Amino acid sequence: MDIKLKKKPWYIRYKYYLMVGVLFFAFFIYVITLSLSPRRLRVEADRIQIVEVKNDKFMEYVDAEGVVQPILTIKVNSRETGSVARIIGEEGSMLHKGDTILVLSNPSLIRAIEDQQDEWQKQLISFQEKEIEMEQKSLNLQKQSLQTEYELALLKKSYELDKEEYKMGIKSKAQLEVAEDEYTFKTKSAELQRETLKRDSAVAIIRKNLIRNEMEWEQKKYERSKERLEDLVVRAPIDGQLSFVKVTPGQIVSQNEAIAEIKILDQFKIQTSLSEYYIDRIVTGLPASVNYQGKKYPLKISKVVPEVKERMFQVDLVFTDEIPDNARIGKSYRIQIELGQPEEAIVISRGNFYQYTGGQWIYKLDASKTKATRIPLSIGRQNPQQYEVTSGLEVGDYVVTTGYDTFGDAQELIVK
């Protein structure tokens, strides 16, 4: 007789399926929870830099590399056209003002100046002849005037005698009137001659002045032509170092062509290039400094070139006091240009977080310093050592400032 077996409950019969289903459901819940929770990344503490947020003095300045240059470089140009006859100045030598650099040759100029000299000699003789002619004319007029005065004096005596004889009845009235008319005519003639002499003297003075002025102008013209001979000798316009001569013997140089360069070495300047980001804030007179071997050497901006090339512009600075002992043309120094006065501010040390976050967020550590969470941040001003924090952090907070190139998009850092 068969015995009827009791049917097992469904959860017994399908226990393996139920176990698999529970495990799958648990795994599904784990994946969902993991995807919804912040992404975490474990980092080694010695591989990152952790800094404290502080309330400290903040001064905005620009740090750049500058190169020592001469305070002034003079271009030496030729004043005359000619061929290079001799080069006397050696490149690199120190010159004094007036020292000869090179000598030019120009036979055509020499002939032209000789012709000018001959012309000046002819004009000088002509001027002298005119002066002699005027002197002779003046003497003749004076002689004529003297003769007229003498004749007038004789005629006056004769006329006075005629009047006495007329009174005595010796001469008739007609004879007296003839003598009177002759005397009157001679008197007016003498007055006219005196006026002519006076005017001739005034005209002679004017003509002499004009001739002298013309002679002086011609002489200056001749002297200037002679100075052109001096211009064939190219001389140093100022004390300095002859840095180079760009011509060779026999070479033809044109008027006003640059042929040499002199550097002024009694003072130096520092030349640097800055980012166009600072172009509106860099002005002449701003203070700066060079720190060398623990000593600070003050500078100030003397020149700003506003032209931007490849997103950079050029700035010149000069020393305002001492200069480093080893300052030489071409030597580089790190310089700091101050953009304002020190101010109290909330600051953090610089790190590569700014390059990867744009200063928009940062990892902030909790009290145990074992977990860092990504938080929003606002950065204000900056200098080569610090960032100014305008919001997002408080004094005493600790943040991670380096290693951002390895963090990816992690929301939290677990610091081991």
Protein backbone atom coordinates (compact mmCIF):
# COMPACT_ATOMS: atom_id res chain seq x y z
CA MET A 1 0.00 0.00 0.00
CA ASP A 2 1.47 3.31 -1.12
CA ILE A 3 2.02 6.05 1.42
CA LYS A 4 1.11 9.55 0.24
CA LEU A 5 4.05 11.96 0.79
CA LYS A 6 3.33 15.36 2.19
CA LYS A 7 4.19 18.20 -0.27
CA LYS A 8 7.01 20.52 0.88
CA PRO A 9 6.30 24.27 1.31
CA TRP A 10 7.19 26.45 -1.66
CA TYR A 11 9.89 28.39 0.18
CA ILE A 12 11.62 25.06 0.86
CA ARG A 13 11.34 23.94 -2.70
CA TYR A 14 12.59 27.25 -4.11
CA LYS A 15 15.04 28.17 -1.36
CA TYR A 16 18.04 28.27 -3.70
CA TYR A 17 16.22 30.51 -6.12
CA LEU A 18 15.14 32.74 -3.26
CA MET A 19 18.72 32.94 -1.97
CA VAL A 20 20.01 33.94 -5.40
CA GLY A 21 17.23 36.48 -5.73
CA VAL A 22 17.97 38.00 -2.30
CA LEU A 23 21.66 38.22 -3.09
CA PHE A 24 20.96 39.85 -6.45
CA PHE A 25 18.55 42.32 -4.84
CA ALA A 26 21.13 43.15 -2.14
CA PHE A 27 23.79 43.68 -4.79
CA PHE A 28 21.40 45.90 -6.77
CA ILE A 29 20.67 48.00 -3.68
CA TYR A 30 24.45 48.26 -3.01
CA VAL A 31 25.11 49.48 -6.55
CA ILE A 32 22.29 52.01 -6.32
CA THR A 33 23.55 53.25 -2.95
CA LEU A 34 27.12 53.44 -4.23
CA SER A 35 26.10 55.43 -7.29
CA LEU A 36 24.06 57.90 -5.24
CA SER A 37 26.74 58.40 -2.56
CA PRO A 38 29.68 60.82 -3.12
CA ARG A 39 32.59 59.38 -5.05
CA ARG A 40 35.50 58.79 -2.70
CA LEU A 41 39.21 58.51 -3.38
CA ARG A 42 41.88 57.31 -1.00
CA VAL A 43 45.09 59.40 -0.98
CA GLU A 44 48.34 59.25 0.93
CA ALA A 45 48.87 62.21 3.27
CA ASP A 46 52.53 62.52 2.28
CA ARG A 47 51.56 62.88 -1.40
CA ILE A 48 49.45 65.99 -0.93
CA GLN A 49 49.95 69.38 0.69
CA ILE A 50 47.60 70.38 3.46
CA VAL A 51 47.64 74.05 4.48
CA GLU A 52 45.83 76.11 7.07
CA VAL A 53 43.61 79.05 6.16
CA LYS A 54 45.06 82.12 7.90
CA ASN A 55 44.37 85.77 8.50
CA ASP A 56 47.64 87.34 7.39
CA LYS A 57 49.25 90.30 5.66
CA PHE A 58 48.56 90.17 1.94
CA MET A 59 50.42 92.27 -0.58
CA GLU A 60 49.67 91.99 -4.25
CA TYR A 61 52.84 91.91 -6.32
CA VAL A 62 54.16 90.47 -9.55
CA ASP A 63 57.12 88.13 -9.55
CA ALA A 64 59.10 88.03 -12.80
CA GLU A 65 62.55 87.47 -14.20
CA GLY A 66 64.42 90.54 -15.42
CA VAL A 67 67.63 90.97 -17.38
CA VAL A 68 70.21 93.68 -16.68
CA GLN A 69 70.59 96.12 -19.56
CA PRO A 70 72.54 99.39 -19.97
CA ILE A 71 70.54 102.42 -18.88
CA LEU A 72 70.87 103.88 -22.37
CA THR A 73 72.02 102.67 -25.77
CA ILE A 74 73.09 105.30 -28.32
CA LYS A 75 72.93 104.66 -32.05
CA VAL A 76 75.78 106.36 -33.89
CA ASN A 77 74.80 107.54 -37.39
CA SER A 78 76.93 108.89 -40.20
CA ARG A 79 76.37 112.58 -40.93
CA GLU A 80 77.86 112.42 -44.41
CA THR A 81 77.93 109.97 -47.27
CA GLY A 82 81.28 108.36 -47.93
CA SER A 83 83.36 105.22 -48.05
CA VAL A 84 84.94 103.81 -44.89
CA ALA A 85 88.61 104.74 -45.01
CA ARG A 86 89.69 103.57 -41.52
CA ILE A 87 88.06 101.95 -38.50
CA ILE A 88 89.79 103.15 -35.34
CA GLY A 89 87.44 102.20 -32.47
CA GLU A 90 87.52 98.57 -31.36
CA GLU A 91 84.34 96.77 -30.38
CA GLY A 92 84.05 96.44 -26.60
CA SER A 93 86.45 99.32 -25.90
CA MET A 94 85.55 102.20 -23.61
CA LEU A 95 85.30 105.55 -25.36
CA HIS A 96 85.19 109.13 -24.17
CA LYS A 97 83.09 111.80 -25.80
CA GLY A 98 84.86 112.98 -28.98
CA ASP A 99 86.97 109.85 -29.49
CA THR A 100 87.24 108.77 -33.14
CA ILE A 101 85.32 105.66 -34.15
CA LEU A 102 86.02 105.67 -37.89
CA VAL A 103 87.01 107.95 -40.78
CA LEU A 104 85.07 108.34 -44.04
CA SER A 105 86.38 109.46 -47.41
CA ASN A 106 84.41 111.63 -49.88
CA PRO A 107 86.53 113.31 -52.65
CA SER A 108 83.43 114.92 -54.21
CA LEU A 109 82.62 116.66 -50.93
CA ILE A 110 86.21 117.93 -50.63
CA ARG A 111 86.10 119.42 -54.14
CA ALA A 112 82.72 121.04 -53.44
CA ILE A 113 84.08 122.65 -50.27
CA GLU A 114 87.18 123.92 -52.13
CA ASP A 115 84.88 125.50 -54.74
CA GLN A 116 82.87 127.04 -51.91
CA GLN A 117 86.09 128.48 -50.48
CA ASP A 118 87.02 130.07 -53.81
CA GLU A 119 83.55 131.58 -54.10
CA TRP A 120 83.81 132.97 -50.58
CA GLN A 121 87.16 134.63 -51.39
CA LYS A 122 85.65 136.28 -54.49
CA GLN A 123 82.64 137.54 -52.54
CA LEU A 124 84.90 138.84 -49.78
CA ILE A 125 86.88 140.91 -52.32
CA SER A 126 83.61 142.19 -53.82
CA PHE A 127 82.36 143.25 -50.39
CA GLN A 128 85.60 145.07 -49.65
CA GLU A 129 85.46 146.92 -53.01
CA LYS A 130 81.89 148.05 -52.25
CA GLU A 131 82.96 149.39 -48.86
CA ILE A 132 85.87 151.27 -50.42
CA GLU A 133 83.54 152.71 -53.07
CA MET A 134 81.12 153.95 -50.41
CA GLU A 135 83.96 155.45 -48.38
CA GLN A 136 85.27 157.26 -51.48
CA LYS A 137 81.83 158.64 -52.30
CA SER A 138 81.39 159.87 -48.76
CA LEU A 139 84.78 161.61 -48.84
CA ASN A 140 83.90 163.31 -52.12
CA LEU A 141 80.63 164.60 -50.73
CA GLN A 142 82.38 165.88 -47.62
CA LYS A 143 84.97 167.61 -49.80
CA GLN A 144 82.26 169.23 -51.93
CA SER A 145 80.38 170.32 -48.84
CA LEU A 146 83.53 171.84 -47.37
CA GLN A 147 84.23 173.69 -50.62
CA THR A 148 80.65 175.02 -50.72
CA GLU A 149 80.88 176.20 -47.11
CA TYR A 150 84.13 177.98 -47.90
CA GLU A 151 82.65 179.69 -50.97
CA LEU A 152 79.53 180.63 -49.00
CA ALA A 153 81.69 182.26 -46.32
CA LEU A 154 83.58 184.32 -48.97
CA LEU A 155 80.32 185.24 -50.67
CA LYS A 156 78.86 186.40 -47.37
CA LYS A 157 81.76 188.73 -46.77
CA SER A 158 81.45 190.08 -50.31
CA TYR A 159 77.73 190.60 -49.84
CA GLU A 160 78.27 192.46 -46.56
CA LEU A 161 80.82 194.68 -48.31
CA ASP A 162 78.38 195.36 -51.16
CA LYS A 163 75.74 196.47 -48.69
CA GLU A 164 78.18 198.95 -47.12
CA GLU A 165 79.21 200.31 -50.53
CA TYR A 166 75.54 200.66 -51.50
CA LYS A 167 74.94 202.76 -48.40
CA MET A 168 77.94 204.88 -49.34
CA GLY A 169 76.58 205.27 -52.88
CA ILE A 170 79.47 203.46 -54.48
CA LYS A 171 77.31 200.64 -55.88
CA SER A 172 73.89 200.82 -57.36
CA LYS A 173 70.82 199.03 -56.07
CA ALA A 174 70.89 196.69 -59.07
CA GLN A 175 74.39 195.55 -58.21
CA LEU A 176 73.33 194.92 -54.61
CA GLU A 177 70.32 192.83 -55.70
CA VAL A 178 72.57 190.69 -57.93
CA ALA A 179 74.94 190.08 -55.01
CA GLU A 180 71.97 189.28 -52.74
CA ASP A 181 70.51 186.76 -55.22
CA GLU A 182 73.89 185.05 -55.60
CA TYR A 183 74.31 184.85 -51.82
CA THR A 184 70.77 183.43 -51.33
CA PHE A 185 71.32 180.82 -54.02
CA LYS A 186 74.64 179.78 -52.50
CA THR A 187 73.06 179.53 -49.04
CA LYS A 188 70.26 177.25 -50.25
CA SER A 189 72.78 175.24 -52.26
CA ALA A 190 74.90 174.75 -49.14
CA GLU A 191 71.83 173.65 -47.11
CA LEU A 192 70.90 171.15 -49.82
CA GLN A 193 74.45 169.80 -49.91
CA ARG A 194 74.49 169.43 -46.13
CA GLU A 195 71.18 167.49 -46.31
CA THR A 196 72.57 165.32 -49.08
CA LEU A 197 75.67 164.57 -47.02
CA LYS A 198 73.52 163.73 -44.00
CA ARG A 199 71.32 161.37 -45.97
CA ASP A 200 74.29 159.81 -47.71
CA SER A 201 75.84 159.10 -44.33
CA ALA A 202 72.62 157.38 -43.16
CA VAL A 203 72.37 155.38 -46.39
CA ALA A 204 76.05 154.46 -46.14
CA ILE A 205 75.52 153.13 -42.62
CA ILE A 206 72.55 151.03 -43.76
CA ARG A 207 74.42 149.71 -46.78
CA LYS A 208 77.45 148.87 -44.66
CA ASN A 209 75.26 146.96 -42.19
CA LEU A 210 73.62 145.08 -45.06
CA ILE A 211 77.00 144.26 -46.56
CA ARG A 212 78.36 143.12 -43.19
CA ASN A 213 75.29 140.96 -42.59
CA GLU A 214 75.63 139.45 -46.04
CA MET A 215 79.33 138.86 -45.40
CA GLU A 216 78.56 137.16 -42.07
CA TRP A 217 75.90 134.98 -43.69
CA GLU A 218 78.30 133.96 -46.46
CA GLN A 219 81.01 133.30 -43.90
CA LYS A 220 78.70 131.09 -41.84
CA LYS A 221 77.71 129.29 -44.99
CA TYR A 222 81.36 128.66 -45.74
CA GLU A 223 82.06 127.59 -42.14
CA ARG A 224 79.19 125.10 -42.31
CA SER A 225 80.58 123.68 -45.51
CA LYS A 226 83.95 123.25 -43.77
CA GLU A 227 82.20 121.49 -40.85
CA ARG A 228 81.06 118.85 -43.31
CA LEU A 229 84.69 117.84 -43.59
CA GLU A 230 84.71 117.29 -39.81
CA ASP A 231 81.63 115.11 -40.20
CA LEU A 232 83.69 112.67 -42.25
CA VAL A 233 85.31 111.76 -38.92
CA VAL A 234 82.70 109.81 -36.90
CA ARG A 235 83.22 110.46 -33.19
CA ALA A 236 81.68 109.14 -29.97
CA PRO A 237 78.80 111.45 -28.92
CA ILE A 238 79.06 110.39 -25.25
CA ASP A 239 81.18 108.36 -22.84
CA GLY A 240 80.42 104.65 -23.03
CA GLN A 241 81.32 101.22 -24.39
CA LEU A 242 81.49 100.71 -28.14
CA SER A 243 79.35 97.59 -28.41
CA PHE A 244 79.70 97.06 -32.16
CA VAL A 245 80.65 98.64 -35.50
CA LYS A 246 78.53 97.34 -38.36
CA VAL A 247 80.63 98.56 -41.34
CA THR A 248 83.83 97.34 -42.98
CA PRO A 249 86.69 99.24 -44.68
CA GLY A 250 85.75 100.35 -48.18
CA GLN A 251 82.02 100.08 -47.56
CA ILE A 252 79.87 102.96 -48.83
CA VAL A 253 77.65 104.40 -46.11
CA SER A 254 74.76 106.80 -46.65
CA GLN A 255 73.95 109.94 -44.74
CA ASN A 256 72.19 109.18 -41.40
CA GLU A 257 72.94 105.45 -41.70
CA ALA A 258 73.41 103.62 -38.36
CA ILE A 259 77.03 102.47 -38.25
CA ALA A 260 77.78 101.81 -34.55
CA GLU A 261 76.28 101.52 -31.08
CA ILE A 262 77.48 102.82 -27.72
CA LYS A 263 76.19 101.55 -24.37
CA ILE A 264 76.13 103.80 -21.30
CA LEU A 265 77.51 101.74 -18.42
CA ASP A 266 77.52 104.22 -15.53
CA GLN A 267 74.04 102.98 -14.59
CA PHE A 268 71.93 99.90 -15.29
CA LYS A 269 68.28 99.12 -15.80
CA ILE A 270 66.37 95.84 -15.58
CA GLN A 271 64.14 94.83 -18.46
CA THR A 272 61.33 92.31 -18.04
CA SER A 273 58.15 91.11 -19.74
CA LEU A 274 54.82 90.81 -17.93
CA SER A 275 51.48 89.21 -18.76
CA GLU A 276 48.91 91.44 -20.41
CA TYR A 277 46.73 90.67 -17.35
CA TYR A 278 48.65 93.43 -15.49
CA ILE A 279 48.81 96.03 -18.26
CA ASP A 280 46.17 98.30 -16.68
CA ARG A 281 47.88 98.25 -13.28
CA ILE A 282 51.53 98.70 -14.20
CA VAL A 283 52.49 102.38 -14.39
CA THR A 284 55.75 104.32 -14.15
CA GLY A 285 56.88 105.00 -10.61
CA LEU A 286 55.61 101.75 -9.06
CA PRO A 287 58.09 100.37 -6.49
CA ALA A 288 59.83 97.04 -6.98
CA SER A 289 62.83 95.21 -5.57
CA VAL A 290 65.49 92.58 -6.18
CA ASN A 291 66.33 90.18 -3.35
CA TYR A 292 69.87 88.92 -3.74
CA GLN A 293 71.88 87.06 -1.10
CA GLY A 294 69.49 88.14 1.63
CA LYS A 295 69.63 91.84 0.74
CA LYS A 296 66.88 93.90 -0.83
CA TYR A 297 67.76 96.33 -3.64
CA PRO A 298 64.96 98.83 -4.38
CA LEU A 299 63.79 99.58 -7.92
CA LYS A 300 61.10 101.61 -9.59
CA ILE A 301 59.39 101.32 -12.97
CA SER A 302 60.84 103.89 -15.36
CA LYS A 303 59.16 102.89 -18.61
CA VAL A 304 56.14 100.87 -19.72
CA VAL A 305 55.88 99.83 -23.37
CA PRO A 306 52.11 99.49 -23.98
CA GLU A 307 52.48 97.35 -27.10
CA VAL A 308 51.43 93.75 -26.41
CA LYS A 309 53.28 90.97 -28.23
CA GLU A 310 52.34 87.32 -27.69
CA ARG A 311 50.22 88.39 -24.68
CA MET A 312 53.22 90.05 -22.99
CA PHE A 313 54.36 93.66 -22.66
CA GLN A 314 57.75 95.12 -21.78
CA VAL A 315 58.71 97.06 -18.65
CA ASP A 316 61.96 98.84 -17.71
CA LEU A 317 63.03 99.35 -14.09
CA VAL A 318 65.90 101.37 -12.61
CA PHE A 319 67.72 101.05 -9.28
CA THR A 320 66.88 103.83 -6.83
CA ASP A 321 69.73 103.15 -4.40
CA GLU A 322 72.47 100.53 -4.29
CA ILE A 323 72.89 97.93 -7.01
CA PRO A 324 74.14 94.34 -6.55
CA ASP A 325 77.91 93.99 -6.75
CA ASN A 326 77.67 91.35 -9.45
CA ALA A 327 75.34 93.35 -11.72
CA ARG A 328 76.46 92.79 -15.30
CA ILE A 329 74.79 93.27 -18.68
CA GLY A 330 72.81 90.13 -19.46
CA LYS A 331 72.58 88.88 -15.86
CA SER A 332 69.12 87.76 -14.68
CA TYR A 333 67.41 88.61 -11.37
CA ARG A 334 64.06 87.74 -9.87
CA ILE A 335 62.15 90.96 -9.31
CA GLN A 336 58.97 91.73 -7.37
CA ILE A 337 56.79 94.61 -8.53
CA GLU A 338 54.45 95.89 -5.82
CA LEU A 339 50.85 96.58 -6.86
CA GLY A 340 49.66 97.95 -3.53
CA GLN A 341 50.23 98.20 0.22
CA PRO A 342 50.05 95.17 2.60
CA GLU A 343 46.49 94.50 3.86
CA GLU A 344 44.88 92.09 6.32
CA ALA A 345 43.13 89.26 4.43
CA ILE A 346 42.14 85.60 4.65
CA VAL A 347 44.79 83.76 2.64
CA ILE A 348 45.96 80.29 1.65
CA SER A 349 49.26 79.22 0.17
CA ARG A 350 49.49 78.69 -3.57
CA GLY A 351 49.05 75.23 -5.06
CA ASN A 352 48.08 73.55 -8.31
CA PHE A 353 44.39 73.44 -7.30
CA TYR A 354 43.88 76.83 -8.98
CA GLN A 355 45.00 75.52 -12.36
CA TYR A 356 42.49 72.63 -12.21
CA THR A 357 39.56 74.30 -10.46
CA GLY A 358 39.91 77.89 -11.66
CA GLY A 359 39.59 78.88 -8.00
CA GLN A 360 35.93 77.74 -8.02
CA TRP A 361 36.23 74.91 -5.47
CA ILE A 362 38.66 73.16 -3.15
CA TYR A 363 38.88 70.11 -0.84
CA LYS A 364 38.29 71.06 2.81
CA LEU A 365 39.31 68.67 5.62
CA ASP A 366 37.08 67.76 8.52
CA ALA A 367 38.09 68.09 12.17
CA SER A 368 39.83 64.69 12.18
CA LYS A 369 41.79 65.59 9.05
CA THR A 370 41.02 62.16 7.60
CA LYS A 371 38.38 63.21 5.11
CA ALA A 372 38.34 66.14 2.69
CA THR A 373 35.13 67.27 1.02
CA ARG A 374 34.81 69.31 -2.13
CA ILE A 375 33.31 72.76 -1.36
CA PRO A 376 32.73 75.92 -3.45
CA LEU A 377 35.29 78.70 -3.14
CA SER A 378 35.88 82.27 -4.31
CA ILE A 379 39.40 83.58 -4.91
CA GLY A 380 40.16 87.32 -5.08
CA ARG A 381 43.62 88.73 -5.55
CA GLN A 382 46.77 86.65 -5.76
CA ASN A 383 50.53 86.92 -5.59
CA PRO A 384 53.25 84.35 -6.28
CA GLN A 385 52.90 82.92 -2.73
CA GLN A 386 49.29 83.41 -1.69
CA TYR A 387 45.66 83.51 -2.78
CA GLU A 388 43.15 85.83 -1.15
CA VAL A 389 39.97 83.98 -0.11
CA THR A 390 36.83 86.08 -0.45
CA SER A 391 34.27 83.38 0.49
CA GLY A 392 33.96 79.65 1.19
CA LEU A 393 36.57 79.28 3.94
CA GLU A 394 37.21 80.59 7.42
CA VAL A 395 40.37 81.16 9.42
CA GLY A 396 41.52 77.88 10.97
CA ASP A 397 40.18 75.61 8.21
CA TYR A 398 42.54 73.14 6.55
CA VAL A 399 42.47 72.52 2.81
CA VAL A 400 44.26 70.38 0.24
CA THR A 401 46.16 72.57 -2.28
CA THR A 402 48.13 70.04 -4.38
CA GLY A 403 47.61 66.74 -6.18
CA TYR A 404 44.55 67.84 -8.12
CA ASP A 405 45.93 66.35 -11.32
CA THR A 406 45.33 62.86 -9.82
CA PHE A 407 41.98 63.37 -8.05
CA GLY A 408 39.75 63.20 -11.13
CA ASP A 409 36.11 63.99 -10.26
CA ALA A 410 36.22 62.62 -6.68
CA GLN A 411 33.79 64.35 -4.33
CA GLU A 412 35.60 63.22 -1.16
CA LEU A 413 39.18 62.34 -0.31
CA ILE A 414 39.97 59.74 2.35
CA VAL A 415 43.35 60.78 3.76
CA LYS A 416 45.48 57.92 5.05
